[in-house]
Protein backbone atom coordinates (compact mmCIF):
# COMPACT_ATOMS: atom_id res chain seq x y z
CA MET A 1 -17.59 -11.16 10.35
CA MET A 2 -16.40 -13.14 8.19
CA ASP A 3 -14.18 -16.38 8.97
CA PRO A 4 -10.59 -15.85 8.32
CA SER A 5 -10.06 -18.81 6.47
CA THR A 6 -12.90 -17.67 4.08
CA LEU A 7 -11.03 -14.01 3.62
CA ALA A 8 -7.91 -16.06 2.93
CA LEU A 9 -9.36 -18.16 0.25
CA GLN A 10 -11.28 -15.00 -0.87
CA ALA A 11 -8.06 -13.09 -1.00
CA VAL A 12 -5.56 -16.21 -2.40
CA GLY A 13 -8.35 -16.95 -5.13
CA GLY A 14 -9.02 -12.87 -6.27
CA PHE A 15 -4.97 -12.61 -6.96
CA VAL A 16 -4.22 -16.01 -8.91
CA VAL A 17 -8.11 -15.14 -11.36
CA GLY A 18 -6.60 -11.68 -11.54
CA SER A 19 -2.62 -12.36 -12.06
CA LEU A 20 -3.95 -15.22 -14.75
CA ILE A 21 -6.44 -12.83 -16.22
CA GLY A 22 -3.34 -9.95 -16.42
CA TYR A 23 -0.55 -13.02 -18.29
CA ALA A 24 -3.22 -13.42 -20.75
CA ILE A 25 -4.23 -9.90 -21.54
CA ARG A 26 -0.39 -9.47 -21.45
CA LYS A 27 -0.13 -12.26 -24.16
CA LEU A 28 -2.85 -11.25 -26.04
CA ALA A 29 -1.31 -7.33 -26.20
CA LYS A 30 2.08 -8.82 -27.10
CA TRP A 31 0.50 -10.57 -30.01
CA THR A 32 -2.26 -7.94 -30.92
CA LEU A 33 0.74 -5.34 -31.23
CA ILE A 34 3.12 -7.33 -33.41
CA ALA A 35 -0.52 -8.01 -35.78
CA ILE A 36 -0.78 -4.34 -35.65
CA GLY A 37 2.55 -3.43 -36.49
CA PHE A 38 2.69 -5.64 -39.62
CA MET A 39 -0.89 -4.43 -40.90
CA LEU A 40 0.37 -0.48 -40.67
CA LEU A 41 4.00 -1.61 -42.35
CA PRO A 42 2.50 -1.90 -46.08
CA VAL A 43 0.88 1.54 -45.09
CA PHE A 44 3.43 3.57 -43.81
CA GLY A 45 6.05 1.76 -46.84
CA LEU A 46 3.82 3.40 -49.17
CA TRP A 47 3.18 6.31 -47.25
CA GLN A 48 6.62 6.98 -47.55
CA ILE A 49 7.04 6.29 -51.23
CA GLY A 50 4.06 8.82 -51.97
CA VAL A 51 1.66 6.14 -52.89
CA LEU A 52 -0.91 6.85 -50.33
CA ASP A 53 -1.48 9.79 -48.23
CA VAL A 54 -2.28 9.61 -44.43
CA ASN A 55 -4.67 11.83 -42.57
CA TRP A 56 -2.60 12.47 -39.76
CA GLU A 57 -5.02 15.33 -38.36
CA GLY A 58 -7.68 12.70 -38.38
CA LEU A 59 -5.41 9.84 -36.74
CA ASN A 60 -4.87 12.52 -33.63
CA ALA A 61 -8.78 13.15 -33.08
CA ALA A 62 -9.32 9.65 -33.22
CA ILE A 63 -6.65 8.75 -30.70
CA ALA A 64 -7.31 11.69 -28.34
CA LYS A 65 -11.12 10.71 -28.39
CA PHE A 66 -9.75 7.52 -27.65
CA VAL A 67 -7.87 8.95 -24.41
CA GLU A 68 -10.88 10.78 -23.56
CA TRP A 69 -12.86 7.74 -23.30
CA LEU A 70 -10.14 6.03 -21.51
CA GLY A 71 -9.93 8.31 -18.66
CA VAL A 72 -13.54 8.52 -17.95
CA ASN A 73 -14.22 4.75 -18.16
CA ILE A 74 -11.49 3.95 -15.81
CA SER A 75 -12.50 5.98 -13.41
CA ASP A 76 -15.52 3.80 -12.82
CA VAL A 77 -13.77 0.36 -12.98
CA SER A 78 -11.95 1.82 -9.71
CA ILE A 79 -15.50 2.79 -8.39
CA ALA A 80 -16.50 -0.99 -8.62
CA ILE A 81 -13.27 -2.31 -7.82
CA ALA A 82 -12.98 -0.35 -4.57
CA SER A 83 -16.86 -1.81 -3.86
CA THR A 84 -15.86 -5.51 -3.90
CA GLY A 85 -13.69 -5.41 -1.13
CA ILE A 86 -10.86 -8.40 -0.48
CA LEU A 87 -11.34 -9.91 -3.92
CA GLY A 88 -11.52 -7.21 -6.07
CA ALA A 89 -8.43 -5.90 -4.16
CA SER A 90 -6.24 -8.82 -4.20
CA GLY A 91 -7.48 -8.99 -7.82
CA LEU A 92 -6.43 -6.11 -8.74
CA PHE A 93 -3.02 -6.92 -7.19
CA GLY A 94 -2.47 -10.00 -9.30
CA PHE A 95 -3.77 -8.72 -12.21
CA VAL A 96 -0.93 -5.95 -12.22
CA PHE A 97 1.50 -8.84 -10.82
CA GLY A 98 0.28 -11.18 -14.28
CA LEU A 99 0.40 -7.89 -16.17
CA THR A 100 3.67 -7.10 -15.23
CA GLY A 101 5.61 -10.35 -15.94
CA GLY A 102 5.01 -12.11 -12.76
CA PHE A 103 8.20 -13.68 -11.13
CA GLY A 104 9.86 -13.04 -14.42
CA HIS A 105 11.81 -9.90 -12.73
CA THR A 106 12.76 -11.17 -9.40
CA ILE A 107 15.45 -10.34 -7.58
CA PHE A 108 16.17 -14.62 -6.77
CA PRO A 109 18.63 -16.31 -9.13
CA GLU A 110 17.40 -18.65 -11.33
CA PRO A 111 18.91 -21.75 -10.54
CA MET A 112 18.83 -23.09 -14.11
CA ARG A 113 20.97 -20.35 -15.71
CA GLN A 114 23.70 -21.27 -13.40
CA LEU A 115 24.46 -24.71 -13.86
CA ARG A 116 26.12 -25.83 -17.01
CA PHE A 117 25.95 -29.17 -18.10
CA VAL A 118 27.93 -29.12 -21.28
CA LYS A 119 31.69 -26.33 -20.93
CA ARG A 120 32.82 -25.01 -24.10
CA LYS A 121 36.65 -25.36 -24.08
CA THR A 122 38.73 -22.05 -25.55
CA HIS A 123 41.15 -22.94 -27.04
CA ILE A 124 44.06 -20.37 -26.86
CA GLU A 125 46.98 -19.98 -29.90
CA GLU A 126 49.94 -19.32 -28.31
CA SER A 127 52.46 -17.40 -29.95
């Protein structure tokens, strides 16, 4: 049996590392999708005006093949996470926490948004 402090250290460590990895993947995915969007924008523009011809069937087949590959490999990852114990479970929760934005979407109000150091005066013209 493990010492409770070692178990707690593994759980917290797994959560922190998982959340950092999730946050990094979230930021990387955001910039990757922006870059892909800017690369595909001229292609769609040229397709719209008739300069390029896009093979939509081939594109759909490639996406379907990727989704099938992803479905097969995700089951292998879930088995690997389940076999790692508390470190893998807390790391998975931390990963999801970092991927979803962490404390960015919380019920607790942010105190700095409520404080205004400069208040605007509104001038209402009376008629």
